[in-house]
Every structure is written in C-alpha cells, then in structure tokens.
Amino acid sequence: MPTRRNNGRDPSRERARDPIRIAIMGEPGVGKSSLITRLSRGNYVVGDDSIGGRGRRKAINTFNAYLPLPTSSLRIWTKFIDCPGFNDDELRPDQSTIDDILDWLGRTYRRGQKLHGIIYMVSVNNPRFTGFSARNIAMFKALLGEDFYKNVILCTTMWDELPIAEGIAREEELRTRPMIWLSLVRGGSKVFRVGDEQAHQRTPRGFLQNDSSLVYEIARNQPEWLLAQHELADNDFQPGRTSAYRVREDWTKFYARDEFLDAELDQRKHNKEEEVERHDARLRDARQRAKERMQEEISDETAAKIEEQRKLREKQEQKQKLEAQLAVRGARSAWAEEERELEKLRRQVREAEAEYESDSDSDDGRSGVGSAASTVRSQRHPGTVAAGWTKKKDSHGKTVRGIAYRRRP
C-alpha cells in the first residue's frame, strides 16, 4: 500500500474542476499499489474519502496525484482508487470485499462522481487460468456492464518473471478465451503491459507503449456510470439486488456445490480404493492358497515319486540278491555234482587198486586191473586205455599211486 507523501507544492494552483478518476482492481499481489507509485512518481496525497475495511485496514484507498502532460507544463489531477482484491484462501468469493466495493460505488453515485476508467490487473506469470480467476472476471463484468467496457484497460504484470515468448502466449490466451477477456476486448477494452522494460518489448500494434500512457488514454474517456451504480440507484442502494452480488451468490452456490461434489467424489474414491484393496486382498489370499495347494501337490507328487523310486531300488536290490543267490546255488550245485562224480571215480579207482593189489601176480588180475582201469579211463578220459601204475601228488601234497593212461591205438 503506498504511503502518504507530500512534495511541498500547493496542488490547488494545478487542480482542475474535477479529477480524472481511475479505479484500479485485480487479484491480490498483482502490483496495484506499485503501479500507483510509478504513475504518480511518488508525488501523491492520500484521499480523505477512503472507506470500509475490517479493523484498521481501509478496504478502499484513494490517492490524489498531479501528473504532467507530455506536451505542456500543465498537470492532470488524477484520483487513483485502490480497490481490494478478492481473498482466494478457500476459492470462495469474499463477501466483505464486494460489499465494500458496492458501498463505495453507491457513495460516489450519490456525490455524482463518475469514473473515467478502470485498470484491471492480472499477473501474466500465473501458470493456468483457475476457477478463482473466472469468478473474479465474472464479478468484474457484472460490476461494469457492457457499456463501460470501452473505458477499461486490461493490464498484465510480472513480465520479468518468465520468458517473453511464454508471456506473450499467456497474454494471447487471456485475450482470446471467452471466459476471460474476449468479451471485454470485443467491447472496446484495451490491453496493456506494465512493469519493467520487458513488459513493453515486442508490443503489438494498437497496444499502449508505457505506464504513463495509461493515464493519458483514460483521460480522453467520457466518464460513465457503472452498471452496478445504476442498479443501486434503482433498488434503494441495496447491494443484494445488483448483478455483481447475484454473480457472487451464484459462485458461492457453485463452490458449495463443487465442494459437495468434491467431497462426494473423494468419498466414492475412498470407497473404491477400499473395495479395490479388499479385492486385492482376496486375490492375494486366493493366489496364496493356490500356491500352497500347488506346493502340497508338488510335495505329494515328489514324495510319491521318491517312495516309488525307493521301492524300485529295493526290488532291484532284491532281484540282484536273488540272482546272486541263484548263481551261488547253481555254482554250489554244479560243484556238488562234480564232487559226486569225482567221488564216484575215486571210489572206482580205489576199488580197482584194491583189486589190483590183491591179484597183482595173476594175469586175470592184471586183466581185471586193465579192465577196471579202462572202465575208469573211459569215464574220465575218453579215447585212452590204462598203461600201468604211476605215482603223483594229490591236492594236499600227499604222494599217491594212480593209473597211467595212453592214447587208444
């Protein structure tokens, strides 16, 4: 908010009969007070017709300044009216703000003080056009009325906070969107850039060129009443019967409905998230159970295979054992049979030897021995005949006497 300054000059010598009245409006923090300081070059006096507000803060402040004309030494008596911005803490229309503005418009109507123009300021650095901005523009248009559009200058600020190309693109969006400035521009409102040098670079044809030309442009306007002032006069100065107030009420209902829908949407979203979570939990449980069943089936199948393999190994081992036993039995049986044959032969040999010893001197005995030996040989050594007696060692190393054989002629 500008502070009171006085350069010591007597403004009465330079005062015209009526000042150029310029209201400055816009959202909070767009630089309204800074613009007043630049336009007045710091030479202004706080007006005595500031009104409203809560506590010690004045809702509407007026500043008297005397601006030099560019082509003469005369000065223009200019009264700047610094109007409050709407509070956007909760995206709700601020009732006290619109009440203060309507109250001030009613007072100036009673005094016969028309406005020459209004400067409406918007930051070009806003990343997007919000519902809050749409509400402000709607209320602003309802205050003006279409007949006053030609007395409006739309200003963009904060050009030093973003690249010039991006700022130009956002400014073009403001000018061409129906819910923002399109109807104002079509109704005769002018667009202007304020701030540092960057704000005035690449200014399109038809735009104002510097901050001071704002005042000179508005000074050429025919002062007019706002629609809200006509409505106040026609309705016993009751703010609630103005279009601006009704727009505020509509937006209040809209935001209430919007909040209700948001709350309902949040609740539905919350319910849906819970439902999804329950579904996911059921799905996780089902997957876990299926996994456990599969593991059990795999375990059972694996155990069955292991048991089957164990039994197969046992059968194979039993088979091998039986085969070994059969082989041993077969070997034993063959050995026993051979032993029996050998024992039979030994017995025959012993009988033959005994017979030979008893009849060694007789021919019949020799013939008998030969006959017995031949019989034994024919059984043990086919194709041979006994040739006589011989001595040899048995398997135990003992010397025994046996029969010698020769091949049969």
Protein backbone atom coordinates (compact mmCIF):
# COMPACT_ATOMS: atom_id res chain seq x y z
CA MET A 1 0.00 0.00 0.00
CA PRO A 2 1.53 3.42 -0.93
CA THR A 3 2.33 5.71 1.96
CA ARG A 4 1.40 9.35 2.29
CA ARG A 5 3.81 11.73 0.59
CA ASN A 6 3.84 15.49 0.10
CA ASN A 7 6.38 17.35 -2.03
CA GLY A 8 5.54 20.73 -0.52
CA ARG A 9 3.76 22.16 -3.59
CA ASP A 10 0.33 23.67 -3.39
CA PRO A 11 -1.88 21.41 -5.53
CA SER A 12 -4.69 23.97 -5.60
CA ARG A 13 -2.96 26.01 -8.29
CA GLU A 14 -2.83 22.98 -10.56
CA ARG A 15 -6.19 21.49 -9.68
CA ALA A 16 -8.84 21.17 -12.37
CA ARG A 17 -12.51 21.41 -11.53
CA ASP A 18 -12.90 17.59 -11.40
CA PRO A 19 -10.16 14.95 -11.20
CA ILE A 20 -9.64 12.07 -13.58
CA ARG A 21 -10.99 9.19 -11.51
CA ILE A 22 -9.31 5.84 -12.18
CA ALA A 23 -10.18 2.71 -10.19
CA ILE A 24 -7.53 0.00 -10.03
CA MET A 25 -8.74 -3.55 -9.50
CA GLY A 26 -7.28 -7.02 -9.69
CA GLU A 27 -6.32 -10.07 -7.72
CA PRO A 28 -4.17 -9.75 -4.58
CA GLY A 29 -0.44 -9.34 -5.13
CA VAL A 30 -0.51 -8.24 -8.79
CA GLY A 31 1.11 -4.86 -8.06
CA LYS A 32 -1.75 -2.37 -7.84
CA SER A 33 -0.05 -0.20 -5.20
CA SER A 34 3.27 -0.35 -7.07
CA LEU A 35 1.57 0.88 -10.23
CA ILE A 36 0.07 3.86 -8.37
CA THR A 37 3.53 4.75 -7.04
CA ARG A 38 5.07 4.59 -10.54
CA LEU A 39 2.28 6.55 -12.23
CA SER A 40 2.36 9.34 -9.62
CA ARG A 41 6.18 9.28 -9.45
CA GLY A 42 5.76 9.14 -5.69
CA ASN A 43 4.00 12.53 -5.53
CA TYR A 44 0.56 11.83 -4.14
CA VAL A 45 -1.68 12.65 -1.20
CA VAL A 46 -3.87 10.06 0.50
CA GLY A 47 -7.50 11.00 -0.08
CA ASP A 48 -10.00 11.65 2.70
CA ASP A 49 -12.69 9.52 1.05
CA SER A 50 -11.13 6.11 1.77
CA ILE A 51 -13.78 3.80 3.23
CA GLY A 52 -14.63 0.40 4.64
CA GLY A 53 -12.38 -2.40 5.76
CA ARG A 54 -12.00 -4.51 8.87
CA GLY A 55 -10.01 -3.33 11.87
CA ARG A 56 -7.60 -0.53 10.96
CA ARG A 57 -7.26 -1.61 7.35
CA LYS A 58 -9.15 0.53 4.83
CA ALA A 59 -10.81 -1.59 2.17
CA ILE A 60 -10.68 1.16 -0.48
CA ASN A 61 -7.95 3.82 -0.51
CA THR A 62 -7.81 6.90 -2.71
CA PHE A 63 -4.68 8.79 -3.77
CA ASN A 64 -4.56 12.26 -5.36
CA ALA A 65 -1.70 12.86 -7.78
CA TYR A 66 -0.87 15.60 -10.28
CA LEU A 67 0.65 14.18 -13.42
CA PRO A 68 2.35 16.38 -16.04
CA LEU A 69 1.01 16.40 -19.57
CA PRO A 70 3.60 15.23 -22.12
CA THR A 71 3.11 18.30 -24.38
CA SER A 72 2.71 21.13 -21.85
CA SER A 73 3.55 22.28 -18.33
CA LEU A 74 0.01 21.65 -17.14
CA ARG A 75 -0.72 18.83 -14.75
CA ILE A 76 -3.63 16.44 -14.63
CA TRP A 77 -5.36 16.00 -11.31
CA THR A 78 -5.75 12.25 -11.05
CA LYS A 79 -7.51 10.34 -8.31
CA PHE A 80 -6.47 6.69 -8.08
CA ILE A 81 -8.87 4.37 -6.26
CA ASP A 82 -7.05 1.29 -4.96
CA CYS A 83 -9.71 -1.43 -4.64
CA PRO A 84 -9.05 -4.62 -2.64
CA GLY A 85 -8.52 -7.96 -4.29
CA PHE A 86 -10.67 -10.95 -3.51
CA ASN A 87 -9.24 -13.39 -0.99
CA ASP A 88 -8.57 -16.77 -2.59
CA ASP A 89 -7.62 -18.73 0.52
CA GLU A 90 -10.51 -21.16 0.01
CA LEU A 91 -11.56 -20.23 -3.52
CA ARG A 92 -14.68 -18.57 -2.09
CA PRO A 93 -15.99 -15.15 -3.06
CA ASP A 94 -15.11 -12.66 -0.33
CA GLN A 95 -18.45 -11.10 0.65
CA SER A 96 -16.90 -8.22 2.58
CA THR A 97 -14.84 -7.20 -0.47
CA ILE A 98 -17.80 -7.00 -2.86
CA ASP A 99 -19.84 -5.26 -0.16
CA ASP A 100 -17.12 -2.61 0.28
CA ILE A 101 -16.84 -2.04 -3.47
CA LEU A 102 -20.62 -1.71 -3.86
CA ASP A 103 -20.74 0.60 -0.84
CA TRP A 104 -18.06 2.84 -2.36
CA LEU A 105 -19.82 2.86 -5.76
CA GLY A 106 -23.08 3.86 -4.03
CA ARG A 107 -21.34 6.76 -2.23
CA THR A 108 -19.72 8.06 -5.42
CA TYR A 109 -23.06 7.82 -7.22
CA ARG A 110 -24.72 9.99 -4.59
CA ARG A 111 -21.90 12.52 -5.00
CA GLY A 112 -22.23 12.47 -8.76
CA GLN A 113 -18.65 11.20 -9.20
CA LYS A 114 -18.34 9.14 -12.34
CA LEU A 115 -15.31 7.02 -13.20
CA HIS A 116 -13.23 7.84 -16.27
CA GLY A 117 -11.83 4.34 -16.40
CA ILE A 118 -10.81 1.19 -14.61
CA ILE A 119 -7.45 -0.56 -14.77
CA TYR A 120 -7.83 -4.32 -14.20
CA MET A 121 -4.53 -6.06 -13.43
CA VAL A 122 -3.59 -9.73 -13.85
CA SER A 123 -0.23 -11.46 -13.40
CA VAL A 124 0.95 -12.99 -16.67
CA ASN A 125 3.05 -15.38 -14.61
CA ASN A 126 0.04 -17.40 -13.44
CA PRO A 127 0.63 -20.90 -14.85
CA ARG A 128 -3.03 -21.53 -15.57
CA PHE A 129 -6.43 -19.90 -15.56
CA THR A 130 -8.25 -21.06 -12.41
CA GLY A 131 -11.85 -21.04 -11.26
CA PHE A 132 -10.89 -18.23 -8.90
CA SER A 133 -9.83 -16.10 -11.88
CA ALA A 134 -13.04 -16.93 -13.74
CA ARG A 135 -15.10 -15.85 -10.74
CA ASN A 136 -13.23 -12.54 -10.47
CA ILE A 137 -13.72 -11.77 -14.16
CA ALA A 138 -17.42 -12.65 -13.94
CA MET A 139 -17.92 -10.34 -10.95
CA PHE A 140 -15.86 -7.61 -12.63
CA LYS A 141 -18.03 -7.75 -15.76
CA ALA A 142 -21.19 -7.68 -13.63
CA LEU A 143 -19.95 -4.53 -11.87
CA LEU A 144 -19.15 -2.75 -15.14
CA GLY A 145 -21.92 -3.50 -17.57
CA GLU A 146 -21.14 -3.77 -21.28
CA ASP A 147 -21.46 -0.01 -21.85
CA PHE A 148 -18.41 0.58 -19.63
CA TYR A 149 -16.14 -1.97 -21.39
CA LYS A 150 -14.65 0.75 -23.60
CA ASN A 151 -13.38 2.60 -20.50
CA VAL A 152 -11.39 -0.42 -19.25
CA ILE A 153 -7.68 -1.09 -19.64
CA LEU A 154 -6.61 -4.68 -19.03
CA CYS A 155 -3.06 -4.84 -17.67
CA THR A 156 -0.66 -7.77 -17.41
CA THR A 157 2.16 -7.63 -14.85
CA MET A 158 5.13 -9.74 -13.66
CA TRP A 159 6.70 -9.92 -17.12
CA ASP A 160 10.17 -10.10 -15.59
CA GLU A 161 9.38 -13.50 -14.03
CA LEU A 162 9.11 -15.54 -17.24
CA PRO A 163 10.49 -15.62 -20.82
CA ILE A 164 8.95 -13.03 -23.13
CA ALA A 165 7.68 -15.69 -25.58
CA GLU A 166 5.87 -17.55 -22.81
CA GLY A 167 4.38 -14.30 -21.52
CA ILE A 168 3.10 -13.39 -24.98
CA ALA A 169 1.46 -16.80 -25.31
CA ARG A 170 -0.32 -16.44 -21.96
CA GLU A 171 -1.40 -12.89 -22.77
CA GLU A 172 -2.88 -14.13 -26.04
CA GLU A 173 -4.79 -16.79 -24.11
CA LEU A 174 -6.22 -14.10 -21.81
CA ARG A 175 -7.32 -12.00 -24.80
CA THR A 176 -8.95 -14.82 -26.76
CA ARG A 177 -10.66 -17.06 -24.19
CA PRO A 178 -14.40 -16.35 -23.84
CA MET A 179 -14.41 -16.81 -20.06
CA ILE A 180 -11.58 -14.30 -19.60
CA TRP A 181 -11.06 -11.16 -21.68
CA LEU A 182 -12.59 -11.91 -25.07
CA SER A 183 -15.92 -10.14 -24.48
CA LEU A 184 -14.14 -7.19 -22.84
CA VAL A 185 -11.75 -6.76 -25.78
CA ARG A 186 -14.64 -7.02 -28.23
CA GLY A 187 -16.47 -4.38 -26.19
CA GLY A 188 -13.60 -1.89 -26.58
CA SER A 189 -11.28 -2.67 -23.66
CA LYS A 190 -7.58 -2.14 -24.33
CA VAL A 191 -4.75 -4.47 -23.34
CA PHE A 192 -1.57 -3.10 -21.81
CA ARG A 193 1.65 -4.41 -20.26
CA VAL A 194 3.02 -2.77 -17.13
CA GLY A 195 6.20 -3.30 -15.16
CA ASP A 196 9.83 -3.37 -16.31
CA GLU A 197 11.25 -2.89 -19.82
CA GLN A 198 10.46 -6.47 -20.77
CA ALA A 199 6.76 -5.69 -20.38
CA HIS A 200 6.99 -3.23 -23.27
CA GLN A 201 9.15 -5.27 -25.63
CA ARG A 202 7.60 -6.52 -28.87
CA THR A 203 4.35 -4.72 -28.10
CA PRO A 204 1.79 -5.47 -30.86
CA ARG A 205 0.30 -2.64 -32.86
CA GLY A 206 -2.61 -0.98 -31.08
CA PHE A 207 -1.18 -1.59 -27.60
CA LEU A 208 -0.16 1.25 -25.29
CA GLN A 209 3.60 1.78 -25.03
CA ASN A 210 4.40 2.85 -21.44
CA ASP A 211 2.88 3.10 -17.96
CA SER A 212 2.21 6.87 -18.14
CA SER A 213 0.15 6.49 -21.29
CA LEU A 214 -2.38 4.60 -19.16
CA VAL A 215 -3.47 7.86 -17.57
CA TYR A 216 -3.41 9.81 -20.84
CA GLU A 217 -5.53 7.15 -22.53
CA ILE A 218 -8.12 7.11 -19.74
CA ALA A 219 -8.14 10.91 -19.53
CA ARG A 220 -9.62 11.02 -23.04
CA ASN A 221 -12.58 8.88 -21.96
CA GLN A 222 -16.02 10.27 -21.28
CA PRO A 223 -16.78 9.49 -17.59
CA GLU A 224 -19.55 6.93 -17.21
CA TRP A 225 -21.65 5.26 -14.54
CA LEU A 226 -21.12 1.58 -13.92
CA LEU A 227 -23.99 -0.88 -14.24
CA ALA A 228 -23.76 -1.57 -10.50
CA GLN A 229 -24.31 2.14 -9.75
CA HIS A 230 -27.44 2.23 -11.89
CA GLU A 231 -28.72 -0.91 -10.16
CA LEU A 232 -28.00 0.54 -6.71
CA ALA A 233 -29.87 3.73 -7.59
CA ASP A 234 -32.83 1.76 -8.93
CA ASN A 235 -33.05 -0.51 -5.86
CA ASP A 236 -32.66 1.85 -2.92
CA PHE A 237 -28.93 1.15 -2.82
CA GLN A 238 -29.41 -2.43 -1.71
CA PRO A 239 -26.22 -4.36 -2.69
CA GLY A 240 -28.07 -7.67 -2.72
CA ARG A 241 -30.14 -6.60 -5.74
CA THR A 242 -27.18 -5.88 -8.03
CA SER A 243 -25.94 -8.19 -10.78
CA ALA A 244 -22.49 -8.33 -9.17
CA TYR A 245 -23.99 -9.52 -5.89
CA ARG A 246 -26.06 -12.15 -7.67
CA VAL A 247 -22.97 -13.36 -9.51
CA ARG A 248 -21.21 -13.63 -6.16
CA GLU A 249 -24.13 -15.65 -4.80
CA ASP A 250 -24.11 -17.88 -7.88
CA TRP A 251 -20.41 -18.53 -7.45
CA THR A 252 -20.93 -19.19 -3.75
CA LYS A 253 -23.52 -21.82 -4.64
CA PHE A 254 -21.25 -23.13 -7.35
CA TYR A 255 -18.34 -23.53 -4.95
CA ALA A 256 -20.62 -25.06 -2.33
CA ARG A 257 -21.91 -27.50 -4.94
CA ASP A 258 -18.37 -28.02 -6.18
CA GLU A 259 -17.15 -28.74 -2.67
CA PHE A 260 -20.06 -31.12 -2.14
CA LEU A 261 -19.24 -32.90 -5.38
CA ASP A 262 -15.56 -32.95 -4.46
CA ALA A 263 -16.42 -34.42 -1.07
CA GLU A 264 -18.73 -36.97 -2.68
CA LEU A 265 -16.08 -37.76 -5.28
CA ASP A 266 -13.46 -38.13 -2.56
CA GLN A 267 -15.79 -40.43 -0.63
CA ARG A 268 -16.50 -42.51 -3.71
CA LYS A 269 -12.80 -42.59 -4.47
CA HIS A 270 -12.11 -43.67 -0.90
CA ASN A 271 -14.82 -46.35 -1.09
CA LYS A 272 -13.47 -47.51 -4.43
CA GLU A 273 -9.95 -47.68 -3.04
CA GLU A 274 -11.21 -49.73 -0.11
CA GLU A 275 -13.11 -52.01 -2.48
CA VAL A 276 -10.03 -52.38 -4.66
CA GLU A 277 -7.95 -53.09 -1.56
CA ARG A 278 -10.42 -55.75 -0.42
CA HIS A 279 -10.45 -57.25 -3.90
CA ASP A 280 -6.67 -57.23 -3.97
CA ALA A 281 -6.59 -58.85 -0.53
CA ARG A 282 -8.99 -61.58 -1.70
CA LEU A 283 -6.93 -62.05 -4.82
CA ARG A 284 -3.72 -62.28 -2.79
CA ASP A 285 -5.34 -64.83 -0.47
CA ALA A 286 -6.60 -66.88 -3.42
CA ARG A 287 -3.17 -66.79 -5.02
CA GLN A 288 -1.55 -67.80 -1.74
CA ARG A 289 -3.97 -70.69 -1.28
CA ALA A 290 -3.44 -71.81 -4.87
CA LYS A 291 0.30 -71.60 -4.37
CA GLU A 292 0.10 -73.62 -1.18
CA ARG A 293 -2.11 -76.24 -2.86
CA MET A 294 0.30 -76.45 -5.75
CA GLN A 295 3.22 -76.80 -3.36
CA GLU A 296 1.34 -79.52 -1.48
CA GLU A 297 0.54 -81.30 -4.72
CA ILE A 298 4.12 -80.99 -5.83
CA SER A 299 5.28 -82.20 -2.42
CA ASP A 300 2.86 -85.14 -2.50
CA GLU A 301 3.84 -85.99 -6.05
CA THR A 302 7.52 -85.68 -5.21
CA ALA A 303 7.08 -87.84 -2.12
CA ALA A 304 5.21 -90.43 -4.18
CA LYS A 305 7.96 -90.44 -6.79
CA ILE A 306 10.62 -90.76 -4.09
CA GLU A 307 8.71 -93.65 -2.48
CA GLU A 308 8.24 -95.31 -5.86
CA GLN A 309 11.93 -94.95 -6.61
CA ARG A 310 12.80 -96.36 -3.17
CA LYS A 311 10.57 -99.38 -3.76
CA LEU A 312 12.04 -99.84 -7.22
CA ARG A 313 15.54 -99.77 -5.78
CA GLU A 314 14.51 -102.31 -3.14
CA LYS A 315 13.06 -104.57 -5.83
CA GLN A 316 16.18 -104.21 -7.90
CA GLU A 317 18.33 -104.97 -4.87
CA GLN A 318 16.16 -108.00 -4.04
CA LYS A 319 16.39 -109.13 -7.65
CA GLN A 320 20.16 -108.75 -7.66
CA LYS A 321 20.37 -110.57 -4.34
CA LEU A 322 18.20 -113.42 -5.63
CA GLU A 323 20.22 -113.60 -8.81
CA ALA A 324 23.39 -113.75 -6.74
CA GLN A 325 21.88 -116.43 -4.53
CA LEU A 326 20.77 -118.38 -7.58
CA ALA A 327 24.21 -118.04 -9.07
CA VAL A 328 25.78 -119.24 -5.85
CA ARG A 329 23.32 -122.09 -5.60
CA GLY A 330 23.94 -123.00 -9.20
CA ALA A 331 27.67 -122.93 -8.63
CA ARG A 332 27.31 -124.97 -5.48
CA SER A 333 25.03 -127.45 -7.23
CA ALA A 334 27.45 -127.85 -10.11
CA TRP A 335 30.37 -128.19 -7.70
CA ALA A 336 28.46 -130.75 -5.64
CA GLU A 337 27.58 -132.70 -8.78
CA GLU A 338 31.19 -132.62 -9.88
CA GLU A 339 32.29 -133.69 -6.43
CA ARG A 340 29.88 -136.57 -6.57
CA GLU A 341 31.25 -137.63 -9.93
CA LEU A 342 34.79 -137.30 -8.67
CA GLU A 343 33.96 -139.22 -5.55
CA LYS A 344 32.40 -141.92 -7.68
CA LEU A 345 35.53 -142.11 -9.79
CA ARG A 346 37.76 -142.16 -6.74
CA ARG A 347 35.73 -144.97 -5.34
CA GLN A 348 36.06 -146.91 -8.55
CA VAL A 349 39.80 -146.22 -8.56
CA ARG A 350 40.16 -147.38 -5.00
CA GLU A 351 38.19 -150.48 -5.78
CA ALA A 352 40.37 -151.08 -8.79
CA GLU A 353 43.53 -150.53 -6.80
CA ALA A 354 42.35 -152.83 -4.10
CA GLU A 355 41.54 -155.46 -6.65
CA TYR A 356 44.86 -154.91 -8.37
CA GLU A 357 46.84 -155.29 -5.18
CA SER A 358 45.11 -158.49 -4.30
CA ASP A 359 45.67 -160.02 -7.71
CA SER A 360 48.95 -158.44 -8.76
CA ASP A 361 50.64 -161.75 -9.67
CA SER A 362 47.86 -163.27 -11.75
CA ASP A 363 47.13 -162.45 -15.32
CA ASP A 364 43.49 -162.39 -14.63
CA GLY A 365 44.22 -159.76 -12.03
CA ARG A 366 46.11 -157.64 -14.50
CA SER A 367 43.43 -158.19 -16.98
CA GLY A 368 40.95 -157.15 -14.33
CA VAL A 369 43.00 -154.12 -13.45
CA GLY A 370 43.24 -153.23 -17.07
CA SER A 371 39.56 -153.77 -17.42
CA ALA A 372 38.80 -151.66 -14.34
CA ALA A 373 41.31 -149.03 -15.35
CA SER A 374 39.93 -148.98 -18.82
CA THR A 375 36.47 -148.52 -17.41
CA VAL A 376 37.60 -145.63 -15.22
CA ARG A 377 39.52 -144.05 -18.07
CA SER A 378 36.67 -144.40 -20.44
CA GLN A 379 34.60 -142.41 -17.98
CA ARG A 380 37.23 -139.77 -17.10
CA HIS A 381 39.44 -139.74 -20.20
CA PRO A 382 37.61 -140.90 -23.32
CA GLY A 383 39.87 -142.23 -26.11
CA THR A 384 42.59 -143.63 -23.72
CA VAL A 385 43.50 -147.01 -22.17
CA ALA A 386 45.30 -147.89 -18.94
CA ALA A 387 49.05 -148.34 -19.44
CA GLY A 388 50.18 -149.20 -15.90
CA TRP A 389 50.73 -147.65 -12.47
CA THR A 390 52.29 -144.30 -11.63
CA LYS A 391 52.90 -142.14 -8.56
CA LYS A 392 51.72 -138.49 -8.21
CA LYS A 393 50.76 -135.93 -5.56
CA ASP A 394 47.21 -135.13 -4.74
CA SER A 395 45.74 -131.66 -3.97
CA HIS A 396 47.01 -131.93 -0.39
CA GLY A 397 50.62 -132.68 -1.44
CA LYS A 398 50.42 -136.33 -0.48
CA THR A 399 52.06 -138.93 -2.76
CA VAL A 400 49.57 -141.41 -4.07
CA ARG A 401 49.64 -144.11 -6.65
CA GLY A 402 47.48 -143.90 -9.72
CA ILE A 403 46.89 -145.36 -13.13
CA ALA A 404 48.86 -144.15 -16.13
CA TYR A 405 46.98 -143.89 -19.43
CA ARG A 406 47.89 -143.89 -23.07
CA ARG A 407 46.01 -142.99 -26.21
CA ARG A 408 43.98 -145.80 -27.65
CA PRO A 409 45.53 -147.16 -30.85
